[in-house]
Every structure is written in structure tokens, then in C-alpha cells.
Amino acid sequence: MAVPKKRTGHSAQGKRRANWKATKPETTVCSNCGQPVLAHTVCTACGYYKGEPVRLKDKAEAVKEVKKPAKKAKKEAPAEEAPAEPPADVQLLTEIRDLLKEKQQTQKE
């Protein structure tokens, strides 16, 4: 096993460490809340990453919001409704019946 023969001095140690430099972290803006966020990390303010919730609790709430159908308004019946017109074929049959009755009455006379 390699063992150093002499202790490294302060000057040599400092020269070796001189090449290591701290860099400023890259930040972006959260697409959900607009807070500054470290790149490729979950937003600490809202818990979203790339526009989707990361926590299971938030995901469940998001799914409930999507699946929740809109409530339908109850139809109120007007007090007086006009009678609805019967379908065209029923009207045609009633006209034919009336014509036949008139024809029979004219034949009897």
C-alpha cells in the first residue's frame, strides 16, 4: 500500500486545490407557479415538474379534477306548454282518415 514519505505542505496543497472552482447553479422558472427553480428538479413552492404534479396526493387531486363531470342544470317545466306537434307520418295518417270520412259522407248523400 502506498504511503506518503513526507507530509504535504500548505503551499502545495493550496496549489492543487486552486483548479477547483464553484460554479453558479443553473436556474429556470417553474411552468406552474413562476418561481425560480434549479434545473431538472421539482419546484419546492408547488411540487410540480415539467407541468405535472409529482406528489401522489397532488396527482390524485389532478385526476379528480379531470374526471369530475360538470353538473347538469335541472330543466324547469314551463307552467303552460303548447301541445307538441305529432310526427309527420301521424299527421299524414290523420289527414287521410279525415278525407276518407268526408268521401264516405258524400257517397251516402
N, C-alpha and C. Protein backbone atom coordinates (compact mmCIF):
# COMPACT_ATOMS: atom_id res chain seq x y z
N MET A 1 0.84 -1.18 0.00
CA MET A 1 0.00 0.00 0.00
C MET A 1 0.89 1.25 0.00
N ALA A 2 0.53 2.21 -0.82
CA ALA A 2 1.35 3.42 -0.94
C ALA A 2 1.12 4.33 0.26
N VAL A 3 2.22 4.79 0.81
CA VAL A 3 2.16 5.70 1.94
C VAL A 3 3.06 6.88 1.62
N PRO A 4 2.58 8.14 1.83
CA PRO A 4 3.44 9.28 1.53
C PRO A 4 4.65 9.32 2.46
N LYS A 5 5.81 9.66 1.90
CA LYS A 5 7.05 9.71 2.68
C LYS A 5 7.08 10.96 3.55
N LYS A 6 6.56 12.07 3.02
CA LYS A 6 6.56 13.34 3.76
C LYS A 6 5.16 13.94 3.76
N ARG A 7 4.91 14.77 4.73
CA ARG A 7 3.62 15.47 4.81
C ARG A 7 3.56 16.54 3.72
N THR A 8 2.33 16.72 3.07
CA THR A 8 2.16 17.74 2.05
C THR A 8 2.07 19.10 2.73
N GLY A 9 2.86 20.05 2.23
CA GLY A 9 2.86 21.39 2.82
C GLY A 9 1.64 22.20 2.39
N HIS A 10 1.43 23.32 3.11
CA HIS A 10 0.28 24.19 2.85
C HIS A 10 0.32 24.78 1.45
N SER A 11 1.46 25.13 0.99
CA SER A 11 1.61 25.75 -0.33
C SER A 11 1.26 24.76 -1.43
N ALA A 12 1.76 23.54 -1.37
CA ALA A 12 1.48 22.52 -2.38
C ALA A 12 -0.01 22.14 -2.35
N GLN A 13 -0.54 22.07 -1.15
CA GLN A 13 -1.97 21.74 -1.00
C GLN A 13 -2.83 22.83 -1.64
N GLY A 14 -2.49 24.07 -1.42
CA GLY A 14 -3.23 25.19 -1.98
C GLY A 14 -3.14 25.24 -3.49
N LYS A 15 -1.94 24.94 -4.03
CA LYS A 15 -1.77 24.93 -5.49
C LYS A 15 -2.62 23.82 -6.13
N ARG A 16 -2.70 22.68 -5.47
CA ARG A 16 -3.50 21.57 -6.01
C ARG A 16 -4.99 21.93 -6.01
N ARG A 17 -5.42 22.60 -4.97
CA ARG A 17 -6.85 22.94 -4.84
C ARG A 17 -7.23 24.20 -5.64
N ALA A 18 -6.28 24.89 -6.21
CA ALA A 18 -6.56 26.14 -6.92
C ALA A 18 -7.39 25.92 -8.18
N ASN A 19 -7.33 24.72 -8.77
CA ASN A 19 -8.06 24.46 -10.01
C ASN A 19 -9.55 24.15 -9.78
N TRP A 20 -9.93 23.86 -8.54
CA TRP A 20 -11.34 23.56 -8.25
C TRP A 20 -12.08 24.87 -8.02
N LYS A 21 -13.14 25.10 -8.82
CA LYS A 21 -13.90 26.34 -8.69
C LYS A 21 -15.38 26.02 -8.57
N ALA A 22 -16.05 26.74 -7.72
CA ALA A 22 -17.51 26.59 -7.59
C ALA A 22 -18.18 27.30 -8.76
N THR A 23 -19.25 26.70 -9.29
CA THR A 23 -19.99 27.33 -10.38
C THR A 23 -21.38 27.73 -9.91
N LYS A 24 -21.91 28.71 -10.56
CA LYS A 24 -23.25 29.18 -10.23
C LYS A 24 -24.26 28.14 -10.71
N PRO A 25 -25.24 27.75 -9.89
CA PRO A 25 -26.21 26.74 -10.33
C PRO A 25 -27.14 27.29 -11.42
N GLU A 26 -27.51 26.43 -12.36
CA GLU A 26 -28.44 26.82 -13.43
C GLU A 26 -29.85 26.85 -12.86
N THR A 27 -30.55 27.93 -13.09
CA THR A 27 -31.93 28.04 -12.62
C THR A 27 -32.85 28.28 -13.80
N THR A 28 -34.08 27.81 -13.63
CA THR A 28 -35.13 28.05 -14.61
C THR A 28 -36.35 28.58 -13.87
N VAL A 29 -37.43 28.80 -14.58
CA VAL A 29 -38.66 29.29 -13.98
C VAL A 29 -39.69 28.16 -14.02
N CYS A 30 -40.38 27.95 -12.91
CA CYS A 30 -41.41 26.91 -12.83
C CYS A 30 -42.55 27.25 -13.79
N SER A 31 -42.97 26.25 -14.58
CA SER A 31 -44.04 26.49 -15.55
C SER A 31 -45.40 26.59 -14.89
N ASN A 32 -45.52 26.12 -13.64
CA ASN A 32 -46.80 26.14 -12.95
C ASN A 32 -47.00 27.42 -12.13
N CYS A 33 -45.97 27.77 -11.30
CA CYS A 33 -46.16 28.92 -10.40
C CYS A 33 -45.25 30.10 -10.71
N GLY A 34 -44.20 29.91 -11.54
CA GLY A 34 -43.34 31.02 -11.93
C GLY A 34 -42.18 31.29 -11.00
N GLN A 35 -41.98 30.46 -9.98
CA GLN A 35 -40.86 30.63 -9.05
C GLN A 35 -39.56 30.14 -9.68
N PRO A 36 -38.40 30.72 -9.31
CA PRO A 36 -37.13 30.20 -9.82
C PRO A 36 -36.85 28.82 -9.22
N VAL A 37 -36.40 27.89 -10.07
CA VAL A 37 -36.19 26.51 -9.67
C VAL A 37 -34.86 26.04 -10.24
N LEU A 38 -34.13 25.18 -9.52
CA LEU A 38 -32.93 24.56 -10.06
C LEU A 38 -33.34 23.71 -11.26
N ALA A 39 -32.49 23.66 -12.27
CA ALA A 39 -32.81 22.91 -13.49
C ALA A 39 -32.95 21.42 -13.17
N HIS A 40 -33.92 20.76 -13.79
CA HIS A 40 -34.17 19.32 -13.66
C HIS A 40 -34.51 18.90 -12.24
N THR A 41 -35.18 19.77 -11.50
CA THR A 41 -35.62 19.42 -10.15
C THR A 41 -37.07 19.83 -9.95
N VAL A 42 -37.70 19.26 -8.95
CA VAL A 42 -39.09 19.57 -8.63
C VAL A 42 -39.16 20.94 -7.97
N CYS A 43 -40.18 21.69 -8.30
CA CYS A 43 -40.37 23.02 -7.71
C CYS A 43 -40.68 22.87 -6.23
N THR A 44 -39.95 23.58 -5.39
CA THR A 44 -40.18 23.48 -3.95
C THR A 44 -41.41 24.26 -3.52
N ALA A 45 -41.86 25.19 -4.34
CA ALA A 45 -43.02 26.02 -3.98
C ALA A 45 -44.34 25.28 -4.23
N CYS A 46 -44.45 24.62 -5.39
CA CYS A 46 -45.74 24.00 -5.74
C CYS A 46 -45.67 22.48 -5.91
N GLY A 47 -44.49 21.90 -6.05
CA GLY A 47 -44.37 20.45 -6.17
C GLY A 47 -44.59 19.93 -7.58
N TYR A 48 -44.44 20.77 -8.60
CA TYR A 48 -44.64 20.36 -9.98
C TYR A 48 -43.30 20.20 -10.69
N TYR A 49 -43.24 19.29 -11.67
CA TYR A 49 -42.06 19.12 -12.51
C TYR A 49 -42.53 18.91 -13.93
N LYS A 50 -42.09 19.76 -14.85
CA LYS A 50 -42.50 19.74 -16.26
C LYS A 50 -44.01 19.82 -16.41
N GLY A 51 -44.66 20.64 -15.59
CA GLY A 51 -46.09 20.88 -15.71
C GLY A 51 -46.98 19.82 -15.11
N GLU A 52 -46.42 18.81 -14.43
CA GLU A 52 -47.22 17.75 -13.83
C GLU A 52 -46.91 17.65 -12.35
N PRO A 53 -47.92 17.33 -11.50
CA PRO A 53 -47.65 17.19 -10.07
C PRO A 53 -46.80 15.94 -9.81
N VAL A 54 -45.91 16.04 -8.84
CA VAL A 54 -45.01 14.93 -8.53
C VAL A 54 -45.51 14.13 -7.34
N ARG A 55 -46.07 14.81 -6.35
CA ARG A 55 -46.56 14.10 -5.17
C ARG A 55 -47.80 13.31 -5.52
N LEU A 56 -47.97 12.13 -4.91
CA LEU A 56 -49.12 11.28 -5.19
C LEU A 56 -50.43 11.97 -4.81
N LYS A 57 -50.40 12.74 -3.74
CA LYS A 57 -51.60 13.45 -3.29
C LYS A 57 -52.04 14.46 -4.35
N ASP A 58 -51.07 15.19 -4.91
CA ASP A 58 -51.40 16.17 -5.95
C ASP A 58 -51.88 15.49 -7.22
N LYS A 59 -51.28 14.34 -7.57
CA LYS A 59 -51.71 13.61 -8.76
C LYS A 59 -53.15 13.15 -8.61
N ALA A 60 -53.52 12.66 -7.42
CA ALA A 60 -54.89 12.20 -7.19
C ALA A 60 -55.88 13.36 -7.34
N GLU A 61 -55.51 14.54 -6.83
CA GLU A 61 -56.38 15.70 -6.95
C GLU A 61 -56.52 16.13 -8.41
N ALA A 62 -55.42 16.06 -9.16
CA ALA A 62 -55.47 16.43 -10.57
C ALA A 62 -56.36 15.48 -11.35
N VAL A 63 -56.31 14.19 -11.03
CA VAL A 63 -57.15 13.20 -11.71
C VAL A 63 -58.61 13.43 -11.37
N LYS A 64 -58.90 13.76 -10.10
CA LYS A 64 -60.28 14.03 -9.70
C LYS A 64 -60.84 15.22 -10.46
N GLU A 65 -60.01 16.27 -10.63
CA GLU A 65 -60.46 17.46 -11.35
C GLU A 65 -60.78 17.12 -12.79
N VAL A 66 -59.99 16.24 -13.41
CA VAL A 66 -60.20 15.90 -14.81
C VAL A 66 -61.44 15.03 -14.95
N LYS A 67 -61.62 14.05 -14.07
CA LYS A 67 -62.73 13.11 -14.19
C LYS A 67 -64.05 13.68 -13.73
N LYS A 68 -64.04 14.75 -12.96
CA LYS A 68 -65.26 15.30 -12.39
C LYS A 68 -66.12 15.92 -13.49
N PRO A 69 -67.29 15.32 -13.79
CA PRO A 69 -68.14 15.89 -14.84
C PRO A 69 -68.88 17.11 -14.32
N ALA A 70 -69.24 17.97 -15.23
CA ALA A 70 -69.98 19.16 -14.86
C ALA A 70 -71.40 18.78 -14.49
N LYS A 71 -71.92 19.45 -13.48
CA LYS A 71 -73.29 19.16 -13.06
C LYS A 71 -74.26 19.73 -14.08
N LYS A 72 -75.25 18.94 -14.41
CA LYS A 72 -76.24 19.38 -15.38
C LYS A 72 -77.34 20.16 -14.66
N ALA A 73 -77.76 21.22 -15.27
CA ALA A 73 -78.82 22.04 -14.69
C ALA A 73 -80.15 21.33 -14.89
N LYS A 74 -80.96 21.38 -13.85
CA LYS A 74 -82.29 20.76 -13.95
C LYS A 74 -83.18 21.62 -14.83
N LYS A 75 -83.90 20.95 -15.70
CA LYS A 75 -84.80 21.67 -16.59
C LYS A 75 -86.10 21.97 -15.84
N GLU A 76 -86.47 23.23 -15.85
CA GLU A 76 -87.72 23.63 -15.22
C GLU A 76 -88.82 23.59 -16.27
N ALA A 77 -89.91 22.89 -15.95
CA ALA A 77 -91.02 22.78 -16.88
C ALA A 77 -91.81 24.08 -16.85
N PRO A 78 -92.10 24.67 -17.99
CA PRO A 78 -92.93 25.88 -18.01
C PRO A 78 -94.34 25.55 -17.52
N ALA A 79 -95.02 26.55 -16.98
CA ALA A 79 -96.35 26.34 -16.41
C ALA A 79 -97.33 25.85 -17.49
N GLU A 80 -97.34 26.50 -18.65
CA GLU A 80 -98.24 26.09 -19.73
C GLU A 80 -97.42 25.78 -20.97
N GLU A 81 -97.50 24.55 -21.38
CA GLU A 81 -96.78 24.16 -22.58
C GLU A 81 -97.75 24.01 -23.73
N ALA A 82 -97.35 24.46 -24.89
CA ALA A 82 -98.16 24.27 -26.08
C ALA A 82 -98.04 22.80 -26.47
N PRO A 83 -99.15 22.20 -26.94
CA PRO A 83 -99.07 20.79 -27.31
C PRO A 83 -98.07 20.61 -28.46
N ALA A 84 -97.24 19.61 -28.31
CA ALA A 84 -96.22 19.35 -29.32
C ALA A 84 -96.87 18.76 -30.56
N GLU A 85 -96.36 19.10 -31.74
CA GLU A 85 -96.92 18.58 -32.98
C GLU A 85 -96.55 17.11 -33.13
N PRO A 86 -97.51 16.30 -33.56
CA PRO A 86 -97.19 14.90 -33.77
C PRO A 86 -96.26 14.75 -34.97
N PRO A 87 -95.59 13.63 -35.09
CA PRO A 87 -94.68 13.41 -36.22
C PRO A 87 -95.43 13.52 -37.56
N ALA A 88 -94.68 13.72 -38.61
CA ALA A 88 -95.25 13.95 -39.94
C ALA A 88 -96.08 12.76 -40.42
N ASP A 89 -95.63 11.54 -40.16
CA ASP A 89 -96.39 10.38 -40.63
C ASP A 89 -97.72 10.25 -39.91
N VAL A 90 -97.78 10.65 -38.64
CA VAL A 90 -99.05 10.62 -37.90
C VAL A 90 -99.99 11.67 -38.47
N GLN A 91 -99.47 12.85 -38.77
CA GLN A 91 -100.30 13.90 -39.37
C GLN A 91 -100.86 13.44 -40.71
N LEU A 92 -100.04 12.80 -41.51
CA LEU A 92 -100.47 12.32 -42.81
C LEU A 92 -101.60 11.30 -42.67
N LEU A 93 -101.45 10.38 -41.72
CA LEU A 93 -102.49 9.37 -41.50
C LEU A 93 -103.81 9.99 -41.04
N THR A 94 -103.72 11.00 -40.18
CA THR A 94 -104.95 11.66 -39.73
C THR A 94 -105.63 12.40 -40.88
N GLU A 95 -104.84 13.01 -41.77
CA GLU A 95 -105.43 13.69 -42.93
C GLU A 95 -106.11 12.69 -43.86
N ILE A 96 -105.48 11.55 -44.08
CA ILE A 96 -106.08 10.52 -44.94
C ILE A 96 -107.38 10.02 -44.31
N ARG A 97 -107.39 9.80 -43.00
CA ARG A 97 -108.60 9.34 -42.32
C ARG A 97 -109.72 10.35 -42.48
N ASP A 98 -109.40 11.64 -42.30
CA ASP A 98 -110.41 12.69 -42.45
C ASP A 98 -110.96 12.73 -43.88
N LEU A 99 -110.08 12.60 -44.89
CA LEU A 99 -110.52 12.59 -46.29
C LEU A 99 -111.44 11.40 -46.58
N LEU A 100 -111.08 10.23 -46.02
CA LEU A 100 -111.93 9.05 -46.23
C LEU A 100 -113.30 9.24 -45.60
N LYS A 101 -113.34 9.83 -44.42
CA LYS A 101 -114.63 10.08 -43.77
C LYS A 101 -115.49 11.02 -44.61
N GLU A 102 -114.87 12.08 -45.15
CA GLU A 102 -115.61 13.03 -45.99
C GLU A 102 -116.11 12.33 -47.24
N LYS A 103 -115.31 11.45 -47.84
CA LYS A 103 -115.69 10.75 -49.05
C LYS A 103 -116.89 9.81 -48.79
N GLN A 104 -116.83 9.14 -47.62
CA GLN A 104 -117.94 8.24 -47.25
C GLN A 104 -119.23 9.04 -47.03
N GLN A 105 -119.10 10.20 -46.40
CA GLN A 105 -120.30 11.00 -46.18
C GLN A 105 -120.89 11.53 -47.48
N THR A 106 -120.03 11.88 -48.46
CA THR A 106 -120.55 12.35 -49.73
C THR A 106 -121.18 11.22 -50.51
N GLN A 107 -120.70 9.99 -50.38
CA GLN A 107 -121.30 8.86 -51.07
C GLN A 107 -122.66 8.52 -50.50
N LYS A 108 -122.84 8.66 -49.20
CA LYS A 108 -124.13 8.35 -48.56
C LYS A 108 -125.18 9.36 -49.00
N GLU A 109 -124.82 10.55 -49.27
CA GLU A 109 -125.80 11.57 -49.64
C GLU A 109 -126.15 11.48 -51.05
